[in-house]
Amino acid sequence: MPVLTLNGRACRIANIFCIGRNFVAHAAELGNPVEPEPLVFLKPTSALLLEGSPIVLPDYSRDVHHECELVVLIGRGGDHIAEADALQHVAGYGIGLDLTARDAQNDAKQKGHPWTKAKGFRGAACLSALVPAERVPDPQALTFSLKVNGKTRQEGDTSLMLFGVARLIAELSARYGLTEGDLIYTGTPAGVSAIGAGDVLELELDGLVSARWEVAA
C-alpha cells in the first residue's frame, strides 16, 4: 500500500474515495445533472501517484482529462460521524488530480458499466505533499488552481462546493465507514480538458502547498 508522510509521520493509505459533480459549473460543462447527494466512486490505491513520478497515460485512451481537486486525508476513522464533528477527523489536506480517460468513461456510461477503466488506471490519482489540518481552519475558504504549460486551466473555490468537506465526511462515514488513511478527492471545478505527452501540470492550494507533474512522452 502507498505510504505518505505528514508531520514526519508515515501515513498508510487505505481507501480512495472520489466525489463527482460537486461543482455546478463542472457538471454543466459535461452536460451532467446536479446530484441530490454526493456522487461517490472509488480508485484503487495503485492509482496513487506522488510528485516526482511522471504521469503515464493509458494506451487505451486518446482523451485523458485533468481534474484538479482538494484532497482530504482522514486521520481518525468512524461510522456515522456527525457533520458538526467531522473536521476533527481530518489529519491533512493536499491538492491532487483525478485523471479521467474521458473516452473510456463515455463508453462505460453508454453501456451502463462502472467507471473503473476510466478513473482507476495507474497514476490516475495524483497527490501533492500534505499540510496538517490545523493549518486549514476552514476547508470551505480555500482557493486552488491548475496550470498546464504555464497557462491557467482551472481555478477552484471550495466555498462553491455543493457538498462541503464536513458533509462529505458525514455521508461517507454513514454509508461506507471511514478509516485512518482514507483519502477523499472532493470534486473538480469547471475547465477540465485533455492532456498530452510532454505537458507540465502545476497545482497550487491557496499558498499552502504546490505540486508539479510532467506527462511522459
Protein backbone atom coordinates (compact mmCIF):
# COMPACT_ATOMS: atom_id res chain seq x y z
CA MET A 1 0.00 0.00 0.00
CA PRO A 2 1.18 3.57 -0.67
CA VAL A 3 2.61 5.49 2.28
CA LEU A 4 2.51 9.27 2.69
CA THR A 5 4.29 11.43 5.23
CA LEU A 6 2.57 14.06 7.36
CA ASN A 7 4.44 15.94 10.09
CA GLY A 8 7.24 13.40 9.80
CA ARG A 9 4.86 10.51 10.44
CA ALA A 10 4.14 7.79 7.90
CA CYS A 11 0.51 7.50 6.84
CA ARG A 12 -0.57 4.30 5.12
CA ILE A 13 -3.27 4.93 2.54
CA ALA A 14 -6.44 2.86 2.84
CA ASN A 15 -9.34 3.77 0.53
CA ILE A 16 -9.52 6.47 -2.13
CA PHE A 17 -12.99 7.99 -2.28
CA CYS A 18 -13.77 10.41 -5.10
CA ILE A 19 -16.69 12.80 -5.45
CA GLY A 20 -18.18 13.61 -8.83
CA ARG A 21 -20.25 16.64 -9.91
CA ASN A 22 -19.52 18.65 -6.75
CA PHE A 23 -19.28 21.97 -8.63
CA VAL A 24 -22.28 23.17 -10.64
CA ALA A 25 -20.18 24.63 -13.47
CA HIS A 26 -18.26 21.39 -13.97
CA ALA A 27 -21.42 19.31 -14.10
CA ALA A 28 -22.79 21.74 -16.67
CA GLU A 29 -19.71 21.66 -18.89
CA LEU A 30 -20.06 17.88 -19.25
CA GLY A 31 -23.82 18.00 -19.64
CA ASN A 32 -24.43 16.18 -16.36
CA PRO A 33 -27.23 16.84 -13.86
CA VAL A 34 -26.53 18.09 -10.34
CA GLU A 35 -27.00 15.22 -7.89
CA PRO A 36 -29.15 15.50 -4.73
CA GLU A 37 -26.47 13.66 -2.74
CA PRO A 38 -22.71 13.14 -3.22
CA LEU A 39 -21.84 11.03 -6.26
CA VAL A 40 -19.16 8.64 -4.98
CA PHE A 41 -16.75 6.41 -6.86
CA LEU A 42 -13.52 4.67 -5.86
CA LYS A 43 -9.98 4.46 -7.18
CA PRO A 44 -7.60 1.62 -6.31
CA THR A 45 -4.58 2.54 -4.20
CA SER A 46 -2.40 1.54 -7.18
CA ALA A 47 -3.73 4.68 -8.91
CA LEU A 48 -1.95 6.97 -6.41
CA LEU A 49 0.91 8.97 -7.93
CA LEU A 50 3.08 11.20 -5.78
CA GLU A 51 5.08 14.16 -7.00
CA GLY A 52 8.34 13.25 -8.69
CA SER A 53 6.95 10.45 -10.82
CA PRO A 54 5.75 11.11 -14.39
CA ILE A 55 2.15 10.73 -15.47
CA VAL A 56 1.91 7.79 -17.87
CA LEU A 57 -1.22 7.92 -19.98
CA PRO A 58 -3.07 4.62 -20.54
CA ASP A 59 -2.59 3.16 -24.01
CA TYR A 60 -6.33 2.54 -24.46
CA SER A 61 -7.29 6.23 -24.24
CA ARG A 62 -6.76 9.21 -26.53
CA ASP A 63 -8.61 11.69 -24.32
CA VAL A 64 -7.30 11.82 -20.74
CA HIS A 65 -8.56 14.89 -18.85
CA HIS A 66 -7.14 16.65 -15.81
CA GLU A 67 -9.46 17.30 -12.85
CA CYS A 68 -7.81 19.39 -10.12
CA GLU A 69 -9.21 18.85 -6.62
CA LEU A 70 -8.82 19.50 -2.91
CA VAL A 71 -7.85 16.21 -1.25
CA VAL A 72 -8.60 15.31 2.37
CA LEU A 73 -6.68 12.76 4.47
CA ILE A 74 -8.68 11.09 7.23
CA GLY A 75 -6.70 10.77 10.43
CA ARG A 76 -9.34 9.18 12.63
CA GLY A 77 -11.99 6.89 11.23
CA GLY A 78 -15.52 6.24 12.31
CA ASP A 79 -19.06 5.32 11.39
CA HIS A 80 -21.96 7.78 11.30
CA ILE A 81 -19.74 10.76 12.09
CA ALA A 82 -21.81 13.85 12.87
CA GLU A 83 -21.28 16.69 10.42
CA ALA A 84 -20.58 19.02 13.36
CA ASP A 85 -17.68 16.79 14.45
CA ALA A 86 -16.42 15.78 11.02
CA LEU A 87 -13.45 18.13 10.66
CA GLN A 88 -11.94 16.71 13.85
CA HIS A 89 -11.37 13.50 11.87
CA VAL A 90 -9.17 15.22 9.25
CA ALA A 91 -5.40 14.80 9.50
CA GLY A 92 -4.33 16.83 6.49
CA TYR A 93 -5.13 18.46 3.17
CA GLY A 94 -3.47 18.41 -0.23
CA ILE A 95 -4.06 19.20 -3.86
CA GLY A 96 -4.46 16.47 -6.43
CA LEU A 97 -5.60 15.32 -9.84
CA ASP A 98 -8.42 12.93 -10.58
CA LEU A 99 -7.25 11.95 -14.07
CA THR A 100 -10.05 10.65 -16.28
CA ALA A 101 -9.93 8.75 -19.55
CA ARG A 102 -12.96 10.60 -20.89
CA ASP A 103 -13.43 8.40 -23.95
CA ALA A 104 -13.42 5.28 -21.77
CA GLN A 105 -15.79 6.95 -19.31
CA ASN A 106 -18.26 7.93 -22.04
CA ASP A 107 -18.16 4.39 -23.40
CA ALA A 108 -18.82 2.99 -19.91
CA LYS A 109 -21.74 5.36 -19.38
CA GLN A 110 -23.35 4.32 -22.66
CA LYS A 111 -23.06 0.65 -21.72
CA GLY A 112 -24.11 1.14 -18.10
CA HIS A 113 -20.72 -0.15 -16.92
CA PRO A 114 -18.60 1.01 -13.95
CA TRP A 115 -16.05 3.80 -14.48
CA THR A 116 -13.02 1.89 -13.16
CA LYS A 117 -11.20 1.71 -16.51
CA ALA A 118 -11.67 5.45 -16.95
CA LYS A 119 -10.80 6.52 -13.40
CA GLY A 120 -8.60 3.83 -11.87
CA PHE A 121 -5.60 3.37 -14.14
CA ARG A 122 -2.07 3.63 -12.71
CA GLY A 123 -1.28 7.26 -11.88
CA ALA A 124 -4.91 8.41 -12.10
CA ALA A 125 -4.85 9.80 -8.54
CA CYS A 126 -2.04 12.36 -8.37
CA LEU A 127 -1.41 13.81 -4.92
CA SER A 128 0.79 16.59 -3.55
CA ALA A 129 2.52 16.69 -0.20
CA LEU A 130 0.04 17.20 2.64
CA VAL A 131 -0.36 20.06 5.10
CA PRO A 132 -1.61 19.39 8.64
CA ALA A 133 -5.29 20.04 9.25
CA GLU A 134 -4.53 22.66 11.89
CA ARG A 135 -3.17 24.91 9.13
CA VAL A 136 -6.59 24.92 7.47
CA PRO A 137 -9.14 26.32 9.93
CA ASP A 138 -11.89 26.36 7.29
CA PRO A 139 -11.64 23.99 4.30
CA GLN A 140 -14.56 25.86 2.68
CA ALA A 141 -12.47 29.04 2.44
CA LEU A 142 -9.73 27.84 0.10
CA THR A 143 -8.81 28.57 -3.49
CA PHE A 144 -6.83 26.29 -5.79
CA SER A 145 -5.63 26.27 -9.36
CA LEU A 146 -4.06 24.24 -12.13
CA LYS A 147 -1.72 25.47 -14.85
CA VAL A 148 -0.82 23.41 -17.90
CA ASN A 149 2.35 24.55 -19.65
CA GLY A 150 2.18 27.83 -17.74
CA LYS A 151 -1.42 28.68 -18.66
CA THR A 152 -4.22 28.55 -16.11
CA ARG A 153 -6.75 25.84 -16.93
CA GLN A 154 -8.72 25.50 -13.69
CA GLU A 155 -9.47 27.78 -10.75
CA GLY A 156 -11.43 26.47 -7.79
CA ASP A 157 -13.09 27.99 -4.74
CA THR A 158 -14.14 25.49 -2.09
CA SER A 159 -16.97 27.76 -0.94
CA LEU A 160 -18.70 26.78 -4.21
CA MET A 161 -18.76 23.06 -3.46
CA LEU A 162 -22.27 21.60 -3.46
CA PHE A 163 -21.23 19.32 -0.60
CA GLY A 164 -18.55 20.64 1.74
CA VAL A 165 -15.83 18.62 3.42
CA ALA A 166 -17.75 18.10 6.66
CA ARG A 167 -20.85 16.93 4.79
CA LEU A 168 -18.78 14.54 2.67
CA ILE A 169 -17.17 13.00 5.75
CA ALA A 170 -20.57 12.58 7.41
CA GLU A 171 -22.09 10.99 4.29
CA LEU A 172 -19.16 8.66 3.56
CA SER A 173 -18.89 7.51 7.16
CA ALA A 174 -22.60 6.74 7.30
CA ARG A 175 -22.67 4.73 4.07
CA TYR A 176 -19.28 3.04 3.95
CA GLY A 177 -17.42 3.84 7.15
CA LEU A 178 -14.15 5.77 7.16
CA THR A 179 -10.77 4.53 8.35
CA GLU A 180 -7.48 6.17 9.18
CA GLY A 181 -5.58 6.74 5.94
CA ASP A 182 -8.61 7.19 3.69
CA LEU A 183 -8.33 9.91 1.04
CA ILE A 184 -11.25 11.96 -0.25
CA TYR A 185 -10.93 13.68 -3.62
CA THR A 186 -13.61 16.34 -3.19
CA GLY A 187 -14.54 17.22 -6.77
CA THR A 188 -13.32 19.47 -9.56
CA PRO A 189 -14.40 22.90 -10.82
CA ALA A 190 -15.01 23.77 -14.47
CA GLY A 191 -12.18 23.87 -17.00
CA VAL A 192 -11.30 20.20 -17.44
CA SER A 193 -9.56 19.36 -20.70
CA ALA A 194 -7.20 16.88 -22.31
CA ILE A 195 -3.52 16.48 -21.53
CA GLY A 196 -0.81 15.02 -23.74
CA ALA A 197 2.79 13.88 -23.82
CA GLY A 198 5.24 16.49 -22.55
CA ASP A 199 2.63 18.64 -20.79
CA VAL A 200 3.67 20.14 -17.45
CA LEU A 201 0.94 20.41 -14.81
CA GLU A 202 1.38 22.77 -11.86
CA LEU A 203 -1.09 22.74 -8.96
CA GLU A 204 -1.47 25.27 -6.15
CA LEU A 205 -3.56 25.13 -2.96
CA ASP A 206 -4.08 28.61 -1.51
CA GLY A 207 -0.38 29.23 -0.81
CA LEU A 208 -0.24 26.17 1.43
CA VAL A 209 1.20 23.60 -0.93
CA SER A 210 2.04 23.21 -4.62
CA ALA A 211 2.88 20.27 -6.84
CA ARG A 212 4.16 19.60 -10.33
CA TRP A 213 3.89 16.67 -12.74
CA GLU A 214 5.05 16.08 -16.27
CA VAL A 215 3.25 13.79 -18.71
CA ALA A 216 5.60 11.12 -20.03
CA ALA A 217 6.33 11.09 -23.76
